Amino acid sequence: MDVVLDLLFNSGIGLLSLFTIVFIIGMGFYLSAWLKRKMNNPEE
């Protein structure tokens, strides 16, 4: 497990993968909130 975490946090491709995962999760939360807001106010 230490090797995996070392590769994730200390290599360039690991950091890029981590950023991509965090970005996709954040985008999912944002789109979910935006769509809920749009469904509650359909006249806008």
PDB file of N, CA and C in Angstrom:
ATOM      1  N   MET A   1       0.818  -1.200   0.000  1.00  0.00           N
ATOM      2  CA  MET A   1       0.000   0.000   0.000  1.00  0.00           C
ATOM      3  C   MET A   1       0.857   1.258   0.000  1.00  0.00           C
ATOM      4  N   ASP A   2       2.017   1.193   0.659  1.00  0.00           N
ATOM      5  CA  ASP A   2       2.899   2.353   0.694  1.00  0.00           C
ATOM      6  C   ASP A   2       3.416   2.704  -0.701  1.00  0.00           C
ATOM      7  N   VAL A   3       3.639   1.686  -1.509  1.00  0.00           N
ATOM      8  CA  VAL A   3       4.140   1.931  -2.859  1.00  0.00           C
ATOM      9  C   VAL A   3       3.091   2.657  -3.692  1.00  0.00           C
ATOM     10  N   VAL A   4       1.834   2.270  -3.521  1.00  0.00           N
ATOM     11  CA  VAL A   4       0.749   2.895  -4.285  1.00  0.00           C
ATOM     12  C   VAL A   4       0.597   4.360  -3.890  1.00  0.00           C
ATOM     13  N   LEU A   5       0.587   4.639  -2.597  1.00  0.00           N
ATOM     14  CA  LEU A   5       0.458   6.022  -2.147  1.00  0.00           C
ATOM     15  C   LEU A   5       1.670   6.851  -2.527  1.00  0.00           C
ATOM     16  N   ASP A   6       2.846   6.257  -2.477  1.00  0.00           N
ATOM     17  CA  ASP A   6       4.059   6.957  -2.891  1.00  0.00           C
ATOM     18  C   ASP A   6       3.989   7.319  -4.376  1.00  0.00           C
ATOM     19  N   LEU A   7       3.521   6.396  -5.177  1.00  0.00           N
ATOM     20  CA  LEU A   7       3.389   6.657  -6.609  1.00  0.00           C
ATOM     21  C   LEU A   7       2.318   7.702  -6.873  1.00  0.00           C
ATOM     22  N   LEU A   8       1.226   7.677  -6.102  1.00  0.00           N
ATOM     23  CA  LEU A   8       0.126   8.623  -6.314  1.00  0.00           C
ATOM     24  C   LEU A   8       0.527  10.044  -5.953  1.00  0.00           C
ATOM     25  N   PHE A   9       1.239  10.229  -4.848  1.00  0.00           N
ATOM     26  CA  PHE A   9       1.536  11.576  -4.370  1.00  0.00           C
ATOM     27  C   PHE A   9       2.891  12.125  -4.795  1.00  0.00           C
ATOM     28  N   ASN A  10       3.792  11.287  -5.278  1.00  0.00           N
ATOM     29  CA  ASN A  10       5.140  11.763  -5.565  1.00  0.00           C
ATOM     30  C   ASN A  10       5.529  11.727  -7.031  1.00  0.00           C
ATOM     31  N   SER A  11       4.701  11.182  -7.884  1.00  0.00           N
ATOM     32  CA  SER A  11       5.052  11.176  -9.309  1.00  0.00           C
ATOM     33  C   SER A  11       4.122  12.121 -10.070  1.00  0.00           C
ATOM     34  N   GLY A  12       4.586  12.549 -11.207  1.00  0.00           N
ATOM     35  CA  GLY A  12       3.795  13.471 -12.007  1.00  0.00           C
ATOM     36  C   GLY A  12       2.487  12.868 -12.482  1.00  0.00           C
ATOM     37  N   ILE A  13       2.537  11.650 -12.985  1.00  0.00           N
ATOM     38  CA  ILE A  13       1.332  11.023 -13.491  1.00  0.00           C
ATOM     39  C   ILE A  13       0.365  10.694 -12.352  1.00  0.00           C
ATOM     40  N   GLY A  14       0.887  10.410 -11.166  1.00  0.00           N
ATOM     41  CA  GLY A  14       0.037  10.163 -10.004  1.00  0.00           C
ATOM     42  C   GLY A  14      -0.711  11.411  -9.574  1.00  0.00           C
ATOM     43  N   LEU A  15      -0.006  12.533  -9.551  1.00  0.00           N
ATOM     44  CA  LEU A  15      -0.652  13.792  -9.190  1.00  0.00           C
ATOM     45  C   LEU A  15      -1.680  14.199 -10.237  1.00  0.00           C
ATOM     46  N   LEU A  16      -1.390  13.957 -11.496  1.00  0.00           N
ATOM     47  CA  LEU A  16      -2.358  14.254 -12.553  1.00  0.00           C
ATOM     48  C   LEU A  16      -3.599  13.375 -12.407  1.00  0.00           C
ATOM     49  N   SER A  17      -3.415  12.124 -12.077  1.00  0.00           N
ATOM     50  CA  SER A  17      -4.543  11.221 -11.852  1.00  0.00           C
ATOM     51  C   SER A  17      -5.367  11.661 -10.652  1.00  0.00           C
ATOM     52  N   LEU A  18      -4.696  12.052  -9.581  1.00  0.00           N
ATOM     53  CA  LEU A  18      -5.391  12.513  -8.386  1.00  0.00           C
ATOM     54  C   LEU A  18      -6.199  13.772  -8.686  1.00  0.00           C
ATOM     55  N   PHE A  19      -5.607  14.712  -9.407  1.00  0.00           N
ATOM     56  CA  PHE A  19      -6.313  15.929  -9.788  1.00  0.00           C
ATOM     57  C   PHE A  19      -7.534  15.597 -10.645  1.00  0.00           C
ATOM     58  N   THR A  20      -7.392  14.673 -11.574  1.00  0.00           N
ATOM     59  CA  THR A  20      -8.502  14.289 -12.444  1.00  0.00           C
ATOM     60  C   THR A  20      -9.639  13.672 -11.643  1.00  0.00           C
ATOM     61  N   ILE A  21      -9.322  12.807 -10.708  1.00  0.00           N
ATOM     62  CA  ILE A  21     -10.345  12.172  -9.880  1.00  0.00           C
ATOM     63  C   ILE A  21     -11.086  13.218  -9.053  1.00  0.00           C
ATOM     64  N   VAL A  22     -10.352  14.123  -8.412  1.00  0.00           N
ATOM     65  CA  VAL A  22     -10.968  15.163  -7.592  1.00  0.00           C
ATOM     66  C   VAL A  22     -11.815  16.098  -8.454  1.00  0.00           C
ATOM     67  N   PHE A  23     -11.329  16.439  -9.648  1.00  0.00           N
ATOM     68  CA  PHE A  23     -12.064  17.321 -10.546  1.00  0.00           C
ATOM     69  C   PHE A  23     -13.378  16.690 -10.988  1.00  0.00           C
ATOM     70  N   ILE A  24     -13.371  15.416 -11.354  1.00  0.00           N
ATOM     71  CA  ILE A  24     -14.580  14.729 -11.803  1.00  0.00           C
ATOM     72  C   ILE A  24     -15.604  14.631 -10.672  1.00  0.00           C
ATOM     73  N   ILE A  25     -15.150  14.334  -9.452  1.00  0.00           N
ATOM     74  CA  ILE A  25     -16.069  14.265  -8.315  1.00  0.00           C
ATOM     75  C   ILE A  25     -16.664  15.646  -8.030  1.00  0.00           C
ATOM     76  N   GLY A  26     -15.840  16.681  -8.055  1.00  0.00           N
ATOM     77  CA  GLY A  26     -16.327  18.042  -7.846  1.00  0.00           C
ATOM     78  C   GLY A  26     -17.305  18.478  -8.921  1.00  0.00           C
ATOM     79  N   MET A  27     -17.026  18.127 -10.171  1.00  0.00           N
ATOM     80  CA  MET A  27     -17.927  18.468 -11.260  1.00  0.00           C
ATOM     81  C   MET A  27     -19.267  17.753 -11.096  1.00  0.00           C
ATOM     82  N   GLY A  28     -19.238  16.525 -10.601  1.00  0.00           N
ATOM     83  CA  GLY A  28     -20.478  15.792 -10.358  1.00  0.00           C
ATOM     84  C   GLY A  28     -21.332  16.461  -9.293  1.00  0.00           C
ATOM     85  N   PHE A  29     -20.701  16.912  -8.202  1.00  0.00           N
ATOM     86  CA  PHE A  29     -21.450  17.622  -7.160  1.00  0.00           C
ATOM     87  C   PHE A  29     -22.024  18.931  -7.696  1.00  0.00           C
ATOM     88  N   TYR A  30     -21.225  19.668  -8.467  1.00  0.00           N
ATOM     89  CA  TYR A  30     -21.693  20.938  -9.021  1.00  0.00           C
ATOM     90  C   TYR A  30     -22.869  20.727  -9.972  1.00  0.00           C
ATOM     91  N   LEU A  31     -22.750  19.769 -10.880  1.00  0.00           N
ATOM     92  CA  LEU A  31     -23.835  19.533 -11.829  1.00  0.00           C
ATOM     93  C   LEU A  31     -25.089  19.013 -11.144  1.00  0.00           C
ATOM     94  N   SER A  32     -24.918  18.205 -10.113  1.00  0.00           N
ATOM     95  CA  SER A  32     -26.062  17.706  -9.358  1.00  0.00           C
ATOM     96  C   SER A  32     -26.809  18.863  -8.701  1.00  0.00           C
ATOM     97  N   ALA A  33     -26.095  19.769  -8.058  1.00  0.00           N
ATOM     98  CA  ALA A  33     -26.730  20.920  -7.410  1.00  0.00           C
ATOM     99  C   ALA A  33     -27.380  21.835  -8.445  1.00  0.00           C
ATOM    100  N   TRP A  34     -26.715  22.049  -9.562  1.00  0.00           N
ATOM    101  CA  TRP A  34     -27.244  22.918 -10.613  1.00  0.00           C
ATOM    102  C   TRP A  34     -28.523  22.340 -11.217  1.00  0.00           C
ATOM    103  N   LEU A  35     -28.531  21.038 -11.468  1.00  0.00           N
ATOM    104  CA  LEU A  35     -29.720  20.410 -12.036  1.00  0.00           C
ATOM    105  C   LEU A  35     -30.882  20.391 -11.049  1.00  0.00           C
ATOM    106  N   LYS A  36     -30.605  20.157  -9.766  1.00  0.00           N
ATOM    107  CA  LYS A  36     -31.676  20.213  -8.764  1.00  0.00           C
ATOM    108  C   LYS A  36     -32.290  21.602  -8.708  1.00  0.00           C
ATOM    109  N   ARG A  37     -31.430  22.631  -8.783  1.00  0.00           N
ATOM    110  CA  ARG A  37     -31.931  24.005  -8.769  1.00  0.00           C
ATOM    111  C   ARG A  37     -32.772  24.289 -10.006  1.00  0.00           C
ATOM    112  N   LYS A  38     -32.359  23.787 -11.161  1.00  0.00           N
ATOM    113  CA  LYS A  38     -33.111  23.996 -12.398  1.00  0.00           C
ATOM    114  C   LYS A  38     -34.438  23.248 -12.376  1.00  0.00           C
ATOM    115  N   MET A  39     -34.470  22.061 -11.771  1.00  0.00           N
ATOM    116  CA  MET A  39     -35.719  21.297 -11.708  1.00  0.00           C
ATOM    117  C   MET A  39     -36.721  21.948 -10.756  1.00  0.00           C
ATOM    118  N   ASN A  40     -36.246  22.637  -9.731  1.00  0.00           N
ATOM    119  CA  ASN A  40     -37.148  23.303  -8.805  1.00  0.00           C
ATOM    120  C   ASN A  40     -37.692  24.627  -9.343  1.00  0.00           C
ATOM    121  N   ASN A  41     -37.008  25.236 -10.306  1.00  0.00           N
ATOM    122  CA  ASN A  41     -37.460  26.484 -10.935  1.00  0.00           C
ATOM    123  C   ASN A  41     -37.522  26.319 -12.443  1.00  0.00           C
ATOM    124  N   PRO A  42     -38.526  25.621 -12.970  1.00  0.00           N
ATOM    125  CA  PRO A  42     -38.547  25.367 -14.417  1.00  0.00           C
ATOM    126  C   PRO A  42     -38.893  26.598 -15.241  1.00  0.00           C
ATOM    127  N   GLU A  43     -39.464  27.644 -14.631  1.00  0.00           N
ATOM    128  CA  GLU A  43     -39.860  28.811 -15.418  1.00  0.00           C
ATOM    129  C   GLU A  43     -38.708  29.731 -15.759  1.00  0.00           C
ATOM    130  N   GLU A  44     -37.559  29.541 -15.144  1.00  0.00           N
ATOM    131  CA  GLU A  44     -36.399  30.401 -15.452  1.00  0.00           C
ATOM    132  C   GLU A  44     -35.722  29.990 -16.721  1.00  0.00           C
TER     133      GLU A  44
END
